[in-house]
Amino acid sequence: MVGHSVEVSLLLCRTWTVYLLGVQQRRRVQPPGRTALWILLLDVFVLSSWQILDPLRREVLQHRSETDPADQDAVLRPYSERCSSMNLELWLTLVYGYKGPLLPSVCRELQLHC
């Protein structure tokens, strides 16, 4: 998730820089590292809060038992594992919720002014 934050913030910074250079040439351009740092710090805060308040836990899902076609005496018991928490949807909404509106809003402004 942190890698996703870095990628989105750098893409946002590049788009914003192009917007500023194309529309407002006299204004000083903010370095992209500062915006990326703020998004990264916000992401670290949200992920740390998630691990403290509602930590991830391992869930094992048991599937239907099957007989092995090669050996009739053996029974296969397939399972799958996943990580989950009590409020997984809430935390994922927080993580992706503040990043989602940033990029389309900047792209829309870029299209309107150019």
PDB file of N, CA and C in Angstrom:
ATOM      1  N   MET A   1       0.813  -1.182   0.000  1.00  0.00           N
ATOM      2  CA  MET A   1       0.000   0.000   0.000  1.00  0.00           C
ATOM      3  C   MET A   1       0.864   1.256   0.000  1.00  0.00           C
ATOM      4  N   VAL A   2       1.995   1.194   0.656  1.00  0.00           N
ATOM      5  CA  VAL A   2       2.877   2.362   0.665  1.00  0.00           C
ATOM      6  C   VAL A   2       3.448   2.591  -0.724  1.00  0.00           C
ATOM      7  N   GLY A   3       3.756   1.526  -1.444  1.00  0.00           N
ATOM      8  CA  GLY A   3       4.231   1.669  -2.818  1.00  0.00           C
ATOM      9  C   GLY A   3       3.177   2.319  -3.701  1.00  0.00           C
ATOM     10  N   HIS A   4       1.924   1.971  -3.472  1.00  0.00           N
ATOM     11  CA  HIS A   4       0.831   2.602  -4.209  1.00  0.00           C
ATOM     12  C   HIS A   4       0.773   4.090  -3.889  1.00  0.00           C
ATOM     13  N   SER A   5       0.996   4.466  -2.639  1.00  0.00           N
ATOM     14  CA  SER A   5       0.988   5.885  -2.250  1.00  0.00           C
ATOM     15  C   SER A   5       2.087   6.656  -2.953  1.00  0.00           C
ATOM     16  N   VAL A   6       3.257   6.078  -3.008  1.00  0.00           N
ATOM     17  CA  VAL A   6       4.379   6.754  -3.662  1.00  0.00           C
ATOM     18  C   VAL A   6       4.084   6.920  -5.149  1.00  0.00           C
ATOM     19  N   GLU A   7       3.561   5.882  -5.773  1.00  0.00           N
ATOM     20  CA  GLU A   7       3.259   5.946  -7.203  1.00  0.00           C
ATOM     21  C   GLU A   7       2.195   7.003  -7.501  1.00  0.00           C
ATOM     22  N   VAL A   8       1.117   7.017  -6.729  1.00  0.00           N
ATOM     23  CA  VAL A   8       0.040   7.981  -6.954  1.00  0.00           C
ATOM     24  C   VAL A   8       0.522   9.398  -6.685  1.00  0.00           C
ATOM     25  N   SER A   9       1.303   9.584  -5.636  1.00  0.00           N
ATOM     26  CA  SER A   9       1.766  10.938  -5.312  1.00  0.00           C
ATOM     27  C   SER A   9       2.729  11.467  -6.369  1.00  0.00           C
ATOM     28  N   LEU A  10       3.599  10.619  -6.894  1.00  0.00           N
ATOM     29  CA  LEU A  10       4.512  11.083  -7.938  1.00  0.00           C
ATOM     30  C   LEU A  10       3.763  11.398  -9.227  1.00  0.00           C
ATOM     31  N   LEU A  11       2.772  10.590  -9.565  1.00  0.00           N
ATOM     32  CA  LEU A  11       1.956  10.868 -10.743  1.00  0.00           C
ATOM     33  C   LEU A  11       1.172  12.162 -10.557  1.00  0.00           C
ATOM     34  N   LEU A  12       0.650  12.374  -9.365  1.00  0.00           N
ATOM     35  CA  LEU A  12      -0.054  13.608  -9.059  1.00  0.00           C
ATOM     36  C   LEU A  12       0.873  14.812  -9.168  1.00  0.00           C
ATOM     37  N   CYS A  13       2.088  14.687  -8.644  1.00  0.00           N
ATOM     38  CA  CYS A  13       3.048  15.794  -8.690  1.00  0.00           C
ATOM     39  C   CYS A  13       3.450  16.126 -10.117  1.00  0.00           C
ATOM     40  N   ARG A  14       3.646  15.119 -10.934  1.00  0.00           N
ATOM     41  CA  ARG A  14       4.015  15.379 -12.333  1.00  0.00           C
ATOM     42  C   ARG A  14       2.877  16.080 -13.068  1.00  0.00           C
ATOM     43  N   THR A  15       1.661  15.630 -12.862  1.00  0.00           N
ATOM     44  CA  THR A  15       0.509  16.261 -13.509  1.00  0.00           C
ATOM     45  C   THR A  15       0.354  17.699 -13.032  1.00  0.00           C
ATOM     46  N   TRP A  16       0.511  17.920 -11.752  1.00  0.00           N
ATOM     47  CA  TRP A  16       0.399  19.269 -11.188  1.00  0.00           C
ATOM     48  C   TRP A  16       1.501  20.180 -11.726  1.00  0.00           C
ATOM     49  N   THR A  17       2.703  19.667 -11.867  1.00  0.00           N
ATOM     50  CA  THR A  17       3.803  20.462 -12.401  1.00  0.00           C
ATOM     51  C   THR A  17       3.528  20.879 -13.847  1.00  0.00           C
ATOM     52  N   VAL A  18       3.019  19.954 -14.655  1.00  0.00           N
ATOM     53  CA  VAL A  18       2.673  20.279 -16.034  1.00  0.00           C
ATOM     54  C   VAL A  18       1.579  21.343 -16.059  1.00  0.00           C
ATOM     55  N   TYR A  19       0.624  21.236 -15.177  1.00  0.00           N
ATOM     56  CA  TYR A  19      -0.451  22.229 -15.093  1.00  0.00           C
ATOM     57  C   TYR A  19       0.116  23.602 -14.744  1.00  0.00           C
ATOM     58  N   LEU A  20       0.972  23.640 -13.742  1.00  0.00           N
ATOM     59  CA  LEU A  20       1.533  24.927 -13.321  1.00  0.00           C
ATOM     60  C   LEU A  20       2.418  25.535 -14.396  1.00  0.00           C
ATOM     61  N   LEU A  21       3.185  24.734 -15.091  1.00  0.00           N
ATOM     62  CA  LEU A  21       4.050  25.257 -16.145  1.00  0.00           C
ATOM     63  C   LEU A  21       3.235  25.732 -17.346  1.00  0.00           C
ATOM     64  N   GLY A  22       2.109  25.088 -17.618  1.00  0.00           N
ATOM     65  CA  GLY A  22       1.310  25.455 -18.765  1.00  0.00           C
ATOM     66  C   GLY A  22       0.407  26.653 -18.527  1.00  0.00           C
ATOM     67  N   VAL A  23      -0.097  26.820 -17.315  1.00  0.00           N
ATOM     68  CA  VAL A  23      -1.076  27.865 -17.047  1.00  0.00           C
ATOM     69  C   VAL A  23      -0.477  29.041 -16.298  1.00  0.00           C
ATOM     70  N   GLN A  24       0.294  28.773 -15.283  1.00  0.00           N
ATOM     71  CA  GLN A  24       0.822  29.825 -14.421  1.00  0.00           C
ATOM     72  C   GLN A  24       2.343  29.787 -14.469  1.00  0.00           C
ATOM     73  N   GLN A  25       2.932  30.375 -15.497  1.00  0.00           N
ATOM     74  CA  GLN A  25       4.375  30.267 -15.688  1.00  0.00           C
ATOM     75  C   GLN A  25       5.162  31.103 -14.679  1.00  0.00           C
ATOM     76  N   ARG A  26       4.587  32.117 -14.111  1.00  0.00           N
ATOM     77  CA  ARG A  26       5.323  32.975 -13.166  1.00  0.00           C
ATOM     78  C   ARG A  26       5.346  32.421 -11.750  1.00  0.00           C
ATOM     79  N   ARG A  27       4.454  31.530 -11.451  1.00  0.00           N
ATOM     80  CA  ARG A  27       4.388  30.966 -10.103  1.00  0.00           C
ATOM     81  C   ARG A  27       5.499  29.944  -9.895  1.00  0.00           C
ATOM     82  N   ARG A  28       6.073  29.940  -8.711  1.00  0.00           N
ATOM     83  CA  ARG A  28       7.143  28.993  -8.374  1.00  0.00           C
ATOM     84  C   ARG A  28       6.539  27.598  -8.215  1.00  0.00           C
ATOM     85  N   VAL A  29       7.143  26.607  -8.845  1.00  0.00           N
ATOM     86  CA  VAL A  29       6.651  25.241  -8.811  1.00  0.00           C
ATOM     87  C   VAL A  29       7.158  24.546  -7.544  1.00  0.00           C
ATOM     88  N   GLN A  30       6.235  23.922  -6.814  1.00  0.00           N
ATOM     89  CA  GLN A  30       6.608  23.186  -5.610  1.00  0.00           C
ATOM     90  C   GLN A  30       7.295  21.887  -6.006  1.00  0.00           C
ATOM     91  N   PRO A  31       8.395  21.539  -5.363  1.00  0.00           N
ATOM     92  CA  PRO A  31       9.075  20.296  -5.727  1.00  0.00           C
ATOM     93  C   PRO A  31       8.177  19.082  -5.448  1.00  0.00           C
ATOM     94  N   PRO A  32       8.208  18.088  -6.338  1.00  0.00           N
ATOM     95  CA  PRO A  32       7.317  16.942  -6.175  1.00  0.00           C
ATOM     96  C   PRO A  32       7.615  16.122  -4.923  1.00  0.00           C
ATOM     97  N   GLY A  33       8.809  16.201  -4.403  1.00  0.00           N
ATOM     98  CA  GLY A  33       9.145  15.422  -3.216  1.00  0.00           C
ATOM     99  C   GLY A  33       8.367  15.834  -1.993  1.00  0.00           C
ATOM    100  N   ARG A  34       8.009  17.106  -1.879  1.00  0.00           N
ATOM    101  CA  ARG A  34       7.276  17.587  -0.707  1.00  0.00           C
ATOM    102  C   ARG A  34       5.864  17.004  -0.680  1.00  0.00           C
ATOM    103  N   THR A  35       5.184  17.024  -1.814  1.00  0.00           N
ATOM    104  CA  THR A  35       3.836  16.455  -1.868  1.00  0.00           C
ATOM    105  C   THR A  35       3.888  14.945  -1.647  1.00  0.00           C
ATOM    106  N   ALA A  36       4.863  14.295  -2.243  1.00  0.00           N
ATOM    107  CA  ALA A  36       5.008  12.848  -2.048  1.00  0.00           C
ATOM    108  C   ALA A  36       5.270  12.527  -0.582  1.00  0.00           C
ATOM    109  N   LEU A  37       6.044  13.360   0.096  1.00  0.00           N
ATOM    110  CA  LEU A  37       6.325  13.145   1.512  1.00  0.00           C
ATOM    111  C   LEU A  37       5.057  13.275   2.345  1.00  0.00           C
ATOM    112  N   TRP A  38       4.218  14.266   2.068  1.00  0.00           N
ATOM    113  CA  TRP A  38       2.974  14.442   2.826  1.00  0.00           C
ATOM    114  C   TRP A  38       2.026  13.264   2.608  1.00  0.00           C
ATOM    115  N   ILE A  39       1.916  12.811   1.376  1.00  0.00           N
ATOM    116  CA  ILE A  39       1.044  11.666   1.110  1.00  0.00           C
ATOM    117  C   ILE A  39       1.596  10.409   1.778  1.00  0.00           C
ATOM    118  N   LEU A  40       2.906  10.254   1.757  1.00  0.00           N
ATOM    119  CA  LEU A  40       3.534   9.100   2.413  1.00  0.00           C
ATOM    120  C   LEU A  40       3.332   9.151   3.931  1.00  0.00           C
ATOM    121  N   LEU A  41       3.479  10.333   4.541  1.00  0.00           N
ATOM    122  CA  LEU A  41       3.260  10.462   5.984  1.00  0.00           C
ATOM    123  C   LEU A  41       1.813  10.174   6.362  1.00  0.00           C
ATOM    124  N   LEU A  42       0.873  10.656   5.553  1.00  0.00           N
ATOM    125  CA  LEU A  42      -0.532  10.370   5.811  1.00  0.00           C
ATOM    126  C   LEU A  42      -0.808   8.875   5.690  1.00  0.00           C
ATOM    127  N   ASP A  43      -0.191   8.245   4.718  1.00  0.00           N
ATOM    128  CA  ASP A  43      -0.363   6.810   4.534  1.00  0.00           C
ATOM    129  C   ASP A  43       0.224   6.023   5.706  1.00  0.00           C
ATOM    130  N   VAL A  44       1.395   6.417   6.170  1.00  0.00           N
ATOM    131  CA  VAL A  44       2.008   5.755   7.324  1.00  0.00           C
ATOM    132  C   VAL A  44       1.124   5.928   8.566  1.00  0.00           C
ATOM    133  N   PHE A  45       0.542   7.113   8.742  1.00  0.00           N
ATOM    134  CA  PHE A  45      -0.348   7.355   9.880  1.00  0.00           C
ATOM    135  C   PHE A  45      -1.572   6.446   9.821  1.00  0.00           C
ATOM    136  N   VAL A  46      -2.208   6.352   8.654  1.00  0.00           N
ATOM    137  CA  VAL A  46      -3.408   5.523   8.521  1.00  0.00           C
ATOM    138  C   VAL A  46      -3.070   4.048   8.716  1.00  0.00           C
ATOM    139  N   LEU A  47      -1.968   3.581   8.106  1.00  0.00           N
ATOM    140  CA  LEU A  47      -1.596   2.166   8.247  1.00  0.00           C
ATOM    141  C   LEU A  47      -1.177   1.825   9.674  1.00  0.00           C
ATOM    142  N   SER A  48      -0.488   2.743  10.351  1.00  0.00           N
ATOM    143  CA  SER A  48      -0.116   2.498  11.750  1.00  0.00           C
ATOM    144  C   SER A  48      -1.349   2.452  12.634  1.00  0.00           C
ATOM    145  N   SER A  49      -2.289   3.354  12.405  1.00  0.00           N
ATOM    146  CA  SER A  49      -3.539   3.335  13.173  1.00  0.00           C
ATOM    147  C   SER A  49      -4.292   2.040  12.953  1.00  0.00           C
ATOM    148  N   TRP A  50      -4.289   1.566  11.707  1.00  0.00           N
ATOM    149  CA  TRP A  50      -4.963   0.310  11.386  1.00  0.00           C
ATOM    150  C   TRP A  50      -4.350  -0.833  12.182  1.00  0.00           C
ATOM    151  N   GLN A  51      -3.024  -0.927  12.219  1.00  0.00           N
ATOM    152  CA  GLN A  51      -2.366  -2.035  12.914  1.00  0.00           C
ATOM    153  C   GLN A  51      -2.530  -1.952  14.427  1.00  0.00           C
ATOM    154  N   ILE A  52      -2.655  -0.741  14.966  1.00  0.00           N
ATOM    155  CA  ILE A  52      -2.825  -0.595  16.411  1.00  0.00           C
ATOM    156  C   ILE A  52      -4.267  -0.854  16.823  1.00  0.00           C
ATOM    157  N   LEU A  53      -5.228  -0.269  16.105  1.00  0.00           N
ATOM    158  CA  LEU A  53      -6.625  -0.339  16.505  1.00  0.00           C
ATOM    159  C   LEU A  53      -7.323  -1.627  16.057  1.00  0.00           C
ATOM    160  N   ASP A  54      -6.993  -2.127  14.892  1.00  0.00           N
ATOM    161  CA  ASP A  54      -7.675  -3.297  14.341  1.00  0.00           C
ATOM    162  C   ASP A  54      -6.670  -4.125  13.543  1.00  0.00           C
ATOM    163  N   PRO A  55      -5.783  -4.859  14.225  1.00  0.00           N
ATOM    164  CA  PRO A  55      -4.701  -5.558  13.509  1.00  0.00           C
ATOM    165  C   PRO A  55      -5.225  -6.643  12.580  1.00  0.00           C
ATOM    166  N   LEU A  56      -4.446  -6.896  11.537  1.00  0.00           N
ATOM    167  CA  LEU A  56      -4.763  -7.974  10.611  1.00  0.00           C
ATOM    168  C   LEU A  56      -4.526  -9.319  11.290  1.00  0.00           C
ATOM    169  N   ARG A  57      -5.331 -10.280  10.918  1.00  0.00           N
ATOM    170  CA  ARG A  57      -5.161 -11.634  11.451  1.00  0.00           C
ATOM    171  C   ARG A  57      -5.320 -12.626  10.306  1.00  0.00           C
ATOM    172  N   ARG A  58      -4.770 -13.779  10.495  1.00  0.00           N
ATOM    173  CA  ARG A  58      -4.791 -14.821   9.471  1.00  0.00           C
ATOM    174  C   ARG A  58      -6.080 -15.620   9.599  1.00  0.00           C
ATOM    175  N   GLU A  59      -6.772 -15.810   8.480  1.00  0.00           N
ATOM    176  CA  GLU A  59      -7.965 -16.654   8.439  1.00  0.00           C
ATOM    177  C   GLU A  59      -7.699 -17.817   7.492  1.00  0.00           C
ATOM    178  N   VAL A  60      -8.072 -18.996   7.923  1.00  0.00           N
ATOM    179  CA  VAL A  60      -7.940 -20.188   7.093  1.00  0.00           C
ATOM    180  C   VAL A  60      -9.341 -20.612   6.680  1.00  0.00           C
ATOM    181  N   LEU A  61      -9.574 -20.653   5.386  1.00  0.00           N
ATOM    182  CA  LEU A  61     -10.877 -21.059   4.861  1.00  0.00           C
ATOM    183  C   LEU A  61     -10.791 -22.512   4.394  1.00  0.00           C
ATOM    184  N   GLN A  62     -11.594 -23.381   5.004  1.00  0.00           N
ATOM    185  CA  GLN A  62     -11.631 -24.795   4.639  1.00  0.00           C
ATOM    186  C   GLN A  62     -12.628 -24.988   3.503  1.00  0.00           C
ATOM    187  N   HIS A  63     -12.209 -25.713   2.471  1.00  0.00           N
ATOM    188  CA  HIS A  63     -13.073 -25.987   1.340  1.00  0.00           C
ATOM    189  C   HIS A  63     -13.571 -27.428   1.399  1.00  0.00           C
ATOM    190  N   ARG A  64     -14.432 -27.775   0.503  1.00  0.00           N
ATOM    191  CA  ARG A  64     -15.043 -29.097   0.479  1.00  0.00           C
ATOM    192  C   ARG A  64     -13.988 -30.194   0.267  1.00  0.00           C
ATOM    193  N   SER A  65     -14.096 -31.265   1.015  1.00  0.00           N
ATOM    194  CA  SER A  65     -13.171 -32.394   0.885  1.00  0.00           C
ATOM    195  C   SER A  65     -13.404 -33.117  -0.426  1.00  0.00           C
ATOM    196  N   GLU A  66     -12.309 -33.607  -1.010  1.00  0.00           N
ATOM    197  CA  GLU A  66     -12.366 -34.327  -2.278  1.00  0.00           C
ATOM    198  C   GLU A  66     -11.576 -35.625  -2.148  1.00  0.00           C
ATOM    199  N   THR A  67     -11.955 -36.599  -2.914  1.00  0.00           N
ATOM    200  CA  THR A  67     -11.169 -37.837  -2.952  1.00  0.00           C
ATOM    201  C   THR A  67     -10.151 -37.717  -4.071  1.00  0.00           C
ATOM    202  N   ASP A  68      -8.990 -38.287  -3.843  1.00  0.00           N
ATOM    203  CA  ASP A  68      -7.924 -38.261  -4.838  1.00  0.00           C
ATOM    204  C   ASP A  68      -8.238 -39.307  -5.901  1.00  0.00           C
ATOM    205  N   PRO A  69      -8.315 -38.897  -7.184  1.00  0.00           N
ATOM    206  CA  PRO A  69      -8.635 -39.885  -8.235  1.00  0.00           C
ATOM    207  C   PRO A  69      -7.561 -40.958  -8.394  1.00  0.00           C
ATOM    208  N   ALA A  70      -6.316 -40.659  -8.068  1.00  0.00           N
ATOM    209  CA  ALA A  70      -5.237 -41.641  -8.210  1.00  0.00           C
ATOM    210  C   ALA A  70      -5.237 -42.631  -7.053  1.00  0.00           C
ATOM    211  N   ASP A  71      -5.652 -42.181  -5.864  1.00  0.00           N
ATOM    212  CA  ASP A  71      -5.635 -43.041  -4.687  1.00  0.00           C
ATOM    213  C   ASP A  71      -6.964 -42.890  -3.961  1.00  0.00           C
ATOM    214  N   GLN A  72      -7.805 -43.908  -4.023  1.00  0.00           N
ATOM    215  CA  GLN A  72      -9.146 -43.830  -3.438  1.00  0.00           C
ATOM    216  C   GLN A  72      -9.125 -43.799  -1.913  1.00  0.00           C
ATOM    217  N   ASP A  73      -8.011 -44.178  -1.297  1.00  0.00           N
ATOM    218  CA  ASP A  73      -7.922 -44.169   0.161  1.00  0.00           C
ATOM    219  C   ASP A  73      -7.549 -42.788   0.715  1.00  0.00           C
ATOM    220  N   ALA A  74      -7.114 -41.884  -0.143  1.00  0.00           N
ATOM    221  CA  ALA A  74      -6.686 -40.557   0.308  1.00  0.00           C
ATOM    222  C   ALA A  74      -7.817 -39.538   0.108  1.00  0.00           C
ATOM    223  N   VAL A  75      -7.929 -38.642   1.057  1.00  0.00           N
ATOM    224  CA  VAL A  75      -8.921 -37.560   0.985  1.00  0.00           C
ATOM    225  C   VAL A  75      -8.161 -36.241   0.979  1.00  0.00           C
ATOM    226  N   LEU A  76      -8.476 -35.404   0.005  1.00  0.00           N
ATOM    227  CA  LEU A  76      -7.852 -34.082  -0.088  1.00  0.00           C
ATOM    228  C   LEU A  76      -8.721 -33.062   0.631  1.00  0.00           C
ATOM    229  N   ARG A  77      -8.094 -32.271   1.474  1.00  0.00           N
ATOM    230  CA  ARG A  77      -8.809 -31.217   2.193  1.00  0.00           C
ATOM    231  C   ARG A  77      -8.198 -29.864   1.828  1.00  0.00           C
ATOM    232  N   PRO A  78      -8.615 -29.267   0.700  1.00  0.00           N
ATOM    233  CA  PRO A  78      -8.026 -27.997   0.275  1.00  0.00           C
ATOM    234  C   PRO A  78      -8.443 -26.849   1.202  1.00  0.00           C
ATOM    235  N   TYR A  79      -7.552 -25.875   1.303  1.00  0.00           N
ATOM    236  CA  TYR A  79      -7.837 -24.693   2.120  1.00  0.00           C
ATOM    237  C   TYR A  79      -7.140 -23.496   1.485  1.00  0.00           C
ATOM    238  N   SER A  80      -7.584 -22.322   1.860  1.00  0.00           N
ATOM    239  CA  SER A  80      -6.925 -21.090   1.430  1.00  0.00           C
ATOM    240  C   SER A  80      -6.783 -20.181   2.645  1.00  0.00           C
ATOM    241  N   GLU A  81      -5.797 -19.317   2.573  1.00  0.00           N
ATOM    242  CA  GLU A  81      -5.525 -18.391   3.671  1.00  0.00           C
ATOM    243  C   GLU A  81      -5.683 -16.960   3.180  1.00  0.00           C
ATOM    244  N   ARG A  82      -6.107 -16.084   4.074  1.00  0.00           N
ATOM    245  CA  ARG A  82      -6.198 -14.666   3.763  1.00  0.00           C
ATOM    246  C   ARG A  82      -6.025 -13.866   5.041  1.00  0.00           C
ATOM    247  N   CYS A  83      -5.666 -12.609   4.870  1.00  0.00           N
ATOM    248  CA  CYS A  83      -5.565 -11.688   5.992  1.00  0.00           C
ATOM    249  C   CYS A  83      -6.846 -10.879   6.065  1.00  0.00           C
ATOM    250  N   SER A  84      -7.333 -10.667   7.273  1.00  0.00           N
ATOM    251  CA  SER A  84      -8.576  -9.935   7.437  1.00  0.00           C
ATOM    252  C   SER A  84      -8.563  -9.214   8.770  1.00  0.00           C
ATOM    253  N   SER A  85      -9.438  -8.241   8.897  1.00  0.00           N
ATOM    254  CA  SER A  85      -9.649  -7.544  10.159  1.00  0.00           C
ATOM    255  C   SER A  85     -11.136  -7.296  10.309  1.00  0.00           C
ATOM    256  N   MET A  86     -11.553  -6.821  11.459  1.00  0.00           N
ATOM    257  CA  MET A  86     -12.978  -6.628  11.717  1.00  0.00           C
ATOM    258  C   MET A  86     -13.580  -5.560  10.805  1.00  0.00           C
ATOM    259  N   ASN A  87     -12.861  -4.480  10.563  1.00  0.00           N
ATOM    260  CA  ASN A  87     -13.363  -3.367   9.753  1.00  0.00           C
ATOM    261  C   ASN A  87     -12.494  -3.161   8.520  1.00  0.00           C
ATOM    262  N   LEU A  88     -12.271  -4.213   7.764  1.00  0.00           N
ATOM    263  CA  LEU A  88     -11.389  -4.159   6.609  1.00  0.00           C
ATOM    264  C   LEU A  88     -11.870  -3.148   5.568  1.00  0.00           C
ATOM    265  N   GLU A  89     -13.167  -3.109   5.306  1.00  0.00           N
ATOM    266  CA  GLU A  89     -13.699  -2.188   4.301  1.00  0.00           C
ATOM    267  C   GLU A  89     -13.478  -0.734   4.713  1.00  0.00           C
ATOM    268  N   LEU A  90     -13.645  -0.445   5.994  1.00  0.00           N
ATOM    269  CA  LEU A  90     -13.435   0.916   6.488  1.00  0.00           C
ATOM    270  C   LEU A  90     -11.984   1.353   6.302  1.00  0.00           C
ATOM    271  N   TRP A  91     -11.044   0.491   6.645  1.00  0.00           N
ATOM    272  CA  TRP A  91      -9.634   0.846   6.538  1.00  0.00           C
ATOM    273  C   TRP A  91      -9.203   0.995   5.088  1.00  0.00           C
ATOM    274  N   LEU A  92      -9.682   0.106   4.220  1.00  0.00           N
ATOM    275  CA  LEU A  92      -9.349   0.239   2.798  1.00  0.00           C
ATOM    276  C   LEU A  92      -9.958   1.502   2.199  1.00  0.00           C
ATOM    277  N   THR A  93     -11.138   1.873   2.661  1.00  0.00           N
ATOM    278  CA  THR A  93     -11.746   3.125   2.209  1.00  0.00           C
ATOM    279  C   THR A  93     -10.917   4.314   2.653  1.00  0.00           C
ATOM    280  N   LEU A  94     -10.396   4.279   3.868  1.00  0.00           N
ATOM    281  CA  LEU A  94      -9.532   5.362   4.341  1.00  0.00           C
ATOM    282  C   LEU A  94      -8.238   5.448   3.539  1.00  0.00           C
ATOM    283  N   VAL A  95      -7.641   4.293   3.264  1.00  0.00           N
ATOM    284  CA  VAL A  95      -6.367   4.290   2.545  1.00  0.00           C
ATOM    285  C   VAL A  95      -6.532   4.806   1.128  1.00  0.00           C
ATOM    286  N   TYR A  96      -7.554   4.329   0.428  1.00  0.00           N
ATOM    287  CA  TYR A  96      -7.743   4.734  -0.967  1.00  0.00           C
ATOM    288  C   TYR A  96      -8.621   5.968  -1.111  1.00  0.00           C
ATOM    289  N   GLY A  97      -9.358   6.313  -0.078  1.00  0.00           N
ATOM    290  CA  GLY A  97     -10.322   7.403  -0.171  1.00  0.00           C
ATOM    291  C   GLY A  97      -9.709   8.775  -0.363  1.00  0.00           C
ATOM    292  N   TYR A  98      -8.582   9.043   0.256  1.00  0.00           N
ATOM    293  CA  TYR A  98      -7.993  10.371   0.100  1.00  0.00           C
ATOM    294  C   TYR A  98      -7.121  10.464  -1.145  1.00  0.00           C
ATOM    295  N   LYS A  99      -6.716   9.330  -1.718  1.00  0.00           N
ATOM    296  CA  LYS A  99      -5.896   9.364  -2.933  1.00  0.00           C
ATOM    297  C   LYS A  99      -6.746   9.465  -4.185  1.00  0.00           C
ATOM    298  N   GLY A 100      -7.884   8.840  -4.183  1.00  0.00           N
ATOM    299  CA  GLY A 100      -8.734   8.804  -5.358  1.00  0.00           C
ATOM    300  C   GLY A 100      -9.152  10.159  -5.888  1.00  0.00           C
ATOM    301  N   PRO A 101      -9.655  11.062  -5.050  1.00  0.00           N
ATOM    302  CA  PRO A 101     -10.101  12.361  -5.566  1.00  0.00           C
ATOM    303  C   PRO A 101      -8.959  13.275  -6.015  1.00  0.00           C
ATOM    304  N   LEU A 102      -7.753  13.037  -5.594  1.00  0.00           N
ATOM    305  CA  LEU A 102      -6.650  13.943  -5.935  1.00  0.00           C
ATOM    306  C   LEU A 102      -6.322  13.930  -7.424  1.00  0.00           C
ATOM    307  N   LEU A 103      -6.119  12.763  -7.979  1.00  0.00           N
ATOM    308  CA  LEU A 103      -5.676  12.675  -9.365  1.00  0.00           C
ATOM    309  C   LEU A 103      -6.736  13.129 -10.368  1.00  0.00           C
ATOM    310  N   PRO A 104      -7.988  12.682 -10.272  1.00  0.00           N
ATOM    311  CA  PRO A 104      -8.975  13.167 -11.253  1.00  0.00           C
ATOM    312  C   PRO A 104      -9.217  14.668 -11.181  1.00  0.00           C
ATOM    313  N   SER A 105      -9.172  15.242  -9.978  1.00  0.00           N
ATOM    314  CA  SER A 105      -9.411  16.680  -9.867  1.00  0.00           C
ATOM    315  C   SER A 105      -8.292  17.467 -10.537  1.00  0.00           C
ATOM    316  N   VAL A 106      -7.055  17.026 -10.387  1.00  0.00           N
ATOM    317  CA  VAL A 106      -5.939  17.714 -11.031  1.00  0.00           C
ATOM    318  C   VAL A 106      -6.008  17.530 -12.543  1.00  0.00           C
ATOM    319  N   CYS A 107      -6.339  16.340 -13.003  1.00  0.00           N
ATOM    320  CA  CYS A 107      -6.441  16.103 -14.443  1.00  0.00           C
ATOM    321  C   CYS A 107      -7.581  16.917 -15.047  1.00  0.00           C
ATOM    322  N   ARG A 108      -8.682  17.067 -14.325  1.00  0.00           N
ATOM    323  CA  ARG A 108      -9.809  17.846 -14.825  1.00  0.00           C
ATOM    324  C   ARG A 108      -9.416  19.322 -14.946  1.00  0.00           C
ATOM    325  N   GLU A 109      -8.712  19.848 -13.960  1.00  0.00           N
ATOM    326  CA  GLU A 109      -8.256  21.239 -14.030  1.00  0.00           C
ATOM    327  C   GLU A 109      -7.291  21.423 -15.193  1.00  0.00           C
ATOM    328  N   LEU A 110      -6.447  20.448 -15.416  1.00  0.00           N
ATOM    329  CA  LEU A 110      -5.490  20.534 -16.527  1.00  0.00           C
ATOM    330  C   LEU A 110      -6.228  20.579 -17.863  1.00  0.00           C
ATOM    331  N   GLN A 111      -7.272  19.794 -18.024  1.00  0.00           N
ATOM    332  CA  GLN A 111      -8.014  19.784 -19.278  1.00  0.00           C
ATOM    333  C   GLN A 111      -8.815  21.065 -19.456  1.00  0.00           C
ATOM    334  N   LEU A 112      -9.334  21.652 -18.378  1.00  0.00           N
ATOM    335  CA  LEU A 112     -10.143  22.858 -18.484  1.00  0.00           C
ATOM    336  C   LEU A 112      -9.313  24.083 -18.851  1.00  0.00           C
ATOM    337  N   HIS A 113      -8.103  24.177 -18.350  1.00  0.00           N
ATOM    338  CA  HIS A 113      -7.288  25.369 -18.568  1.00  0.00           C
ATOM    339  C   HIS A 113      -6.426  25.316 -19.818  1.00  0.00           C
ATOM    340  N   CYS A 114      -6.162  24.149 -20.360  1.00  0.00           N
ATOM    341  CA  CYS A 114      -5.276  24.056 -21.532  1.00  0.00           C
ATOM    342  C   CYS A 114      -6.035  23.994 -22.833  1.00  0.00           C
TER     343      CYS A 114
END
